């Protein structure tokens, strides 16, 4: 995940408070305007319907420069996500091992957590699941602890890909410069980090908070930064340089 400003896992608690005040102030407007989605149940044999038809730059400074859509549906057992990522000149991610530093290059990402309160204006996630998929189908999955909601003093517990219960596959169109990533994430993995009593299944009316991201190269590089890559978000975090771990900016996800 993009992590430049306001992220330092070794920062002191005194510094954390200072960074927290700065960064959370910077995203107050983002929280107030956070988007929402009504996610339908999955239909057998049918791809998830497209609910997100484009991304913004995570900084909030305009539209993401590559066509990106996100399809979503749910079953009692899992959240099903389909990313369509077009306009990709390089289709590059050199990381081939589970839970390697996939976020350094091109990737699509999902952050999600149960919503504890009624709306994004009075709640932000301090614990959530992060899932990343590269064009080459390498996965990164971790439970994130983000106590200040801005990436300061962040920590993570990695989840083995083979025990995560996540099913995933990608299709690369080299000629068309695009890829599709299909991901099915079990609710027990999403809910299990948040002390919910019923972590196994979902039901209509359940509420979640989350965000969808994409990293796209302008230049073919070994490690992205804001001068070589674009950082896209469904719900912008309004932080520059790019920073995805701003849970105050999560949008609302409603199961219907």
Protein backbone atom coordinates (compact mmCIF):
# COMPACT_ATOMS: atom_id res chain seq x y z
CA UNK A 1 0.00 0.00 0.00
CA UNK A 2 1.16 3.52 -0.68
CA UNK A 3 2.82 4.75 2.49
CA UNK A 4 4.92 7.90 2.36
CA UNK A 5 3.61 10.75 4.49
CA UNK A 6 2.48 9.94 8.04
CA UNK A 7 3.70 6.34 8.04
CA UNK A 8 6.53 5.24 10.28
CA UNK A 9 6.08 2.02 12.22
CA UNK A 10 8.85 3.01 14.66
CA UNK A 11 7.53 6.51 15.42
CA UNK A 12 7.19 7.38 19.11
CA UNK A 13 3.79 7.83 20.70
CA UNK A 14 4.51 11.53 21.22
CA UNK A 15 5.26 11.95 17.55
CA UNK A 16 2.25 9.78 16.74
CA UNK A 17 -0.03 12.26 18.47
CA UNK A 18 1.47 15.13 16.49
CA UNK A 19 1.20 13.30 13.19
CA UNK A 20 -2.30 12.17 14.12
CA UNK A 21 -3.54 15.71 14.65
CA UNK A 22 -2.04 16.85 11.35
CA UNK A 23 -3.19 13.96 9.19
CA UNK A 24 -6.67 13.49 10.61
CA UNK A 25 -7.27 17.21 10.20
CA UNK A 26 -6.22 16.91 6.58
CA UNK A 27 -8.82 14.22 5.89
CA UNK A 28 -11.76 15.60 7.85
CA UNK A 29 -13.38 16.80 4.63
CA UNK A 30 -12.80 13.40 3.06
CA UNK A 31 -14.68 11.67 5.87
CA UNK A 32 -17.62 14.03 5.60
CA UNK A 33 -17.96 13.31 1.88
CA UNK A 34 -17.16 9.59 1.92
CA UNK A 35 -19.06 7.66 -0.78
CA UNK A 36 -21.28 4.64 -0.26
CA UNK A 37 -22.24 1.51 -2.19
CA UNK A 38 -25.19 -0.88 -1.97
CA UNK A 39 -23.75 -4.32 -2.72
CA UNK A 40 -26.20 -6.92 -4.06
CA UNK A 41 -26.15 -10.67 -3.57
CA UNK A 42 -24.30 -12.69 -6.19
CA UNK A 43 -26.17 -14.43 -8.98
CA UNK A 44 -24.90 -17.87 -9.99
CA UNK A 45 -23.02 -17.77 -13.27
CA UNK A 46 -23.03 -13.97 -13.45
CA UNK A 47 -20.09 -11.63 -12.91
CA UNK A 48 -20.40 -9.11 -10.06
CA UNK A 49 -22.13 -5.95 -11.29
CA UNK A 50 -19.95 -2.88 -11.75
CA UNK A 51 -20.55 -0.53 -8.83
CA UNK A 52 -17.42 1.64 -9.18
CA UNK A 53 -16.89 2.97 -12.71
CA UNK A 54 -13.77 5.04 -12.11
CA UNK A 55 -11.23 6.12 -9.51
CA UNK A 56 -9.91 9.46 -8.33
CA UNK A 57 -6.30 10.24 -7.58
CA UNK A 58 -5.84 9.32 -3.93
CA UNK A 59 -4.67 12.90 -3.29
CA UNK A 60 -8.08 14.16 -4.45
CA UNK A 61 -6.41 16.28 -7.14
CA UNK A 62 -8.35 14.92 -10.10
CA UNK A 63 -9.31 11.73 -11.89
CA UNK A 64 -7.10 8.64 -11.96
CA UNK A 65 -5.54 8.51 -15.45
CA UNK A 66 -6.49 4.91 -16.29
CA UNK A 67 -9.89 3.34 -16.73
CA UNK A 68 -10.66 1.23 -13.66
CA UNK A 69 -13.89 -0.41 -12.55
CA UNK A 70 -14.83 -2.52 -9.56
CA UNK A 71 -17.62 -5.10 -9.55
CA UNK A 72 -19.01 -6.34 -6.24
CA UNK A 73 -21.49 -8.85 -4.89
CA UNK A 74 -21.79 -11.00 -1.80
CA UNK A 75 -22.75 -14.45 -0.63
CA UNK A 76 -23.25 -15.60 2.95
CA UNK A 77 -19.68 -16.88 2.92
CA UNK A 78 -17.68 -14.27 0.98
CA UNK A 79 -17.34 -10.86 -0.61
CA UNK A 80 -16.73 -11.22 -4.36
CA UNK A 81 -14.72 -8.48 -6.09
CA UNK A 82 -13.80 -8.01 -9.74
CA UNK A 83 -11.31 -5.35 -10.79
CA UNK A 84 -11.07 -4.31 -14.46
CA UNK A 85 -7.81 -2.38 -14.84
CA UNK A 86 -7.19 -0.87 -18.29
CA UNK A 87 -4.70 1.56 -19.88
CA UNK A 88 -1.70 -0.21 -18.36
CA UNK A 89 1.42 0.18 -20.49
CA UNK A 90 3.71 -1.97 -18.36
CA UNK A 91 1.55 -4.54 -16.54
CA UNK A 92 4.51 -4.88 -14.23
CA UNK A 93 4.88 -6.40 -10.80
CA UNK A 94 8.06 -8.38 -10.24
CA UNK A 95 7.04 -9.86 -6.89
CA UNK A 96 6.11 -13.52 -7.20
CA UNK A 97 5.94 -14.70 -3.58
CA UNK A 98 2.92 -14.45 -1.29
CA UNK A 99 3.08 -11.45 1.06
CA UNK A 100 6.10 -9.88 -0.59
CA UNK A 101 6.24 -6.10 -1.12
CA UNK A 102 3.72 -6.10 -3.98
CA UNK A 103 2.64 -2.53 -3.19
CA UNK A 104 5.96 -1.25 -4.60
CA UNK A 105 4.69 -1.77 -8.14
CA UNK A 106 1.42 -2.12 -10.06
CA UNK A 107 -1.37 -3.62 -7.98
CA UNK A 108 -5.06 -3.39 -7.08
CA UNK A 109 -6.01 -3.25 -3.40
CA UNK A 110 -8.97 -3.69 -1.07
CA UNK A 111 -9.20 -2.42 2.52
CA UNK A 112 -12.30 -3.50 4.47
CA UNK A 113 -13.62 -3.60 8.04
CA UNK A 114 -17.00 -4.04 9.74
CA UNK A 115 -18.69 -0.69 10.32
CA UNK A 116 -19.23 -0.27 14.06
CA UNK A 117 -21.42 2.82 13.96
CA UNK A 118 -24.04 4.33 11.70
CA UNK A 119 -21.93 6.36 9.27
CA UNK A 120 -18.42 7.36 8.31
CA UNK A 121 -18.78 10.73 10.05
CA UNK A 122 -18.75 9.22 13.56
CA UNK A 123 -16.49 6.20 13.09
CA UNK A 124 -13.21 5.17 11.56
CA UNK A 125 -11.65 1.73 11.40
CA UNK A 126 -8.63 1.06 13.57
CA UNK A 127 -8.49 -2.59 12.43
CA UNK A 128 -9.13 -3.79 8.90
CA UNK A 129 -8.14 -6.34 6.28
CA UNK A 130 -5.82 -5.42 3.41
CA UNK A 131 -5.77 -7.55 0.24
CA UNK A 132 -3.60 -6.80 -2.79
CA UNK A 133 -3.46 -8.59 -6.14
CA UNK A 134 -0.84 -8.01 -8.84
CA UNK A 135 -1.48 -8.39 -12.58
CA UNK A 136 0.49 -11.65 -12.29
CA UNK A 137 -1.86 -12.90 -9.53
CA UNK A 138 0.53 -12.61 -6.59
CA UNK A 139 -1.38 -11.84 -3.37
CA UNK A 140 -0.61 -9.83 -0.25
CA UNK A 141 -3.00 -10.20 2.69
CA UNK A 142 -2.72 -8.76 6.19
CA UNK A 143 -4.74 -7.66 9.20
CA UNK A 144 -3.91 -4.01 9.81
CA UNK A 145 -3.91 -2.14 13.11
CA UNK A 146 -4.07 1.62 12.46
CA UNK A 147 -4.78 3.22 15.86
CA UNK A 148 -4.84 6.85 14.69
CA UNK A 149 -6.62 6.16 11.42
CA UNK A 150 -3.89 7.83 9.36
CA UNK A 151 -1.09 5.26 9.07
CA UNK A 152 0.92 6.59 12.01
CA UNK A 153 2.16 3.83 14.34
CA UNK A 154 0.67 1.25 11.98
CA UNK A 155 1.29 -2.46 12.42
CA UNK A 156 0.21 -5.58 10.58
CA UNK A 157 -0.22 -9.29 11.05
CA UNK A 158 0.40 -11.19 7.84
CA UNK A 159 -2.03 -13.93 6.80
CA UNK A 160 -0.64 -16.89 4.91
CA UNK A 161 -2.10 -17.01 1.42
CA UNK A 162 -2.66 -20.75 1.71
CA UNK A 163 -4.69 -20.41 4.92
CA UNK A 164 -6.52 -17.16 4.11
CA UNK A 165 -9.43 -18.86 2.37
CA UNK A 166 -9.21 -16.25 -0.40
CA UNK A 167 -9.66 -17.46 -3.95
CA UNK A 168 -8.17 -15.25 -6.66
CA UNK A 169 -7.11 -15.26 -10.29
CA UNK A 170 -6.12 -12.71 -12.89
CA UNK A 171 -6.28 -12.49 -16.67
CA UNK A 172 -3.75 -10.32 -18.48
CA UNK A 173 -4.43 -8.84 -21.91
CA UNK A 174 -0.94 -7.86 -23.07
CA UNK A 175 -2.16 -6.58 -26.44
CA UNK A 176 -4.97 -4.57 -24.87
CA UNK A 177 -2.76 -3.34 -22.01
CA UNK A 178 -5.22 -4.41 -19.33
CA UNK A 179 -5.85 -7.00 -16.67
CA UNK A 180 -8.77 -8.37 -14.70
CA UNK A 181 -8.45 -9.51 -11.08
CA UNK A 182 -11.13 -11.69 -9.49
CA UNK A 183 -11.06 -12.09 -5.71
CA UNK A 184 -13.38 -13.86 -3.25
CA UNK A 185 -12.69 -12.93 0.38
CA UNK A 186 -14.39 -14.95 3.18
CA UNK A 187 -16.29 -12.99 5.78
CA UNK A 188 -14.60 -14.86 8.61
CA UNK A 189 -11.29 -13.35 7.45
CA UNK A 190 -12.79 -9.86 7.13
CA UNK A 191 -14.63 -10.01 10.46
CA UNK A 192 -12.27 -12.13 12.52
CA UNK A 193 -9.85 -9.31 13.35
CA UNK A 194 -12.59 -7.15 14.86
CA UNK A 195 -13.97 -9.24 17.73
CA UNK A 196 -17.34 -9.80 16.09
CA UNK A 197 -19.49 -12.50 17.65
CA UNK A 198 -20.65 -13.92 14.31
CA UNK A 199 -17.62 -13.93 12.03
CA UNK A 200 -18.58 -16.72 9.66
CA UNK A 201 -21.46 -15.42 7.54
CA UNK A 202 -22.99 -12.20 6.24
CA UNK A 203 -26.60 -11.07 5.96
CA UNK A 204 -28.54 -8.32 4.24
CA UNK A 205 -28.31 -5.15 6.31
CA UNK A 206 -24.70 -5.71 7.39
CA UNK A 207 -22.55 -2.58 7.10
CA UNK A 208 -18.85 -2.36 6.30
CA UNK A 209 -16.29 0.36 5.69
CA UNK A 210 -13.65 0.14 3.01
CA UNK A 211 -11.76 1.51 0.06
CA UNK A 212 -10.50 0.35 -3.33
CA UNK A 213 -7.13 1.33 -4.77
CA UNK A 214 -4.89 0.93 -7.80
CA UNK A 215 -1.23 1.72 -8.47
CA UNK A 216 -0.26 2.45 -12.11
CA UNK A 217 3.21 3.08 -13.52
CA UNK A 218 4.00 6.11 -15.67
CA UNK A 219 7.55 4.76 -15.96
CA UNK A 220 8.77 1.19 -15.56
CA UNK A 221 10.48 1.23 -12.17
CA UNK A 222 11.48 -1.21 -9.44
CA UNK A 223 9.84 0.86 -6.69
CA UNK A 224 7.02 3.34 -7.32
CA UNK A 225 6.80 6.84 -5.94
CA UNK A 226 4.60 9.82 -6.76
CA UNK A 227 6.92 10.94 -9.57
CA UNK A 228 6.80 7.61 -11.43
CA UNK A 229 3.40 6.13 -10.59
CA UNK A 230 -0.23 7.19 -10.16
CA UNK A 231 -2.18 6.25 -7.04
CA UNK A 232 -5.92 5.82 -7.43
CA UNK A 233 -8.70 5.50 -4.86
CA UNK A 234 -12.46 5.06 -4.86
CA UNK A 235 -12.62 7.38 -1.85
CA UNK A 236 -9.65 9.81 -1.94
CA UNK A 237 -7.56 10.10 1.19
CA UNK A 238 -6.54 13.71 0.40
CA UNK A 239 -2.95 13.17 1.51
CA UNK A 240 0.14 14.15 -0.51
CA UNK A 241 2.51 12.34 -1.07
CA UNK A 242 0.14 9.36 -1.61
CA UNK A 243 -1.09 7.53 1.45
CA UNK A 244 -3.69 4.75 1.34
CA UNK A 245 -3.85 3.97 5.07
CA UNK A 246 -6.32 6.72 5.97
CA UNK A 247 -9.30 4.82 7.34
CA UNK A 248 -11.10 8.10 8.13
CA UNK A 249 -11.67 8.29 4.38
CA UNK A 250 -13.21 4.82 4.03
CA UNK A 251 -16.53 4.72 2.21
CA UNK A 252 -19.63 2.86 3.39
CA UNK A 253 -20.43 -0.61 2.02
CA UNK A 254 -23.99 -1.86 2.61
CA UNK A 255 -25.08 -5.43 1.92
CA UNK A 256 -28.54 -5.42 0.36
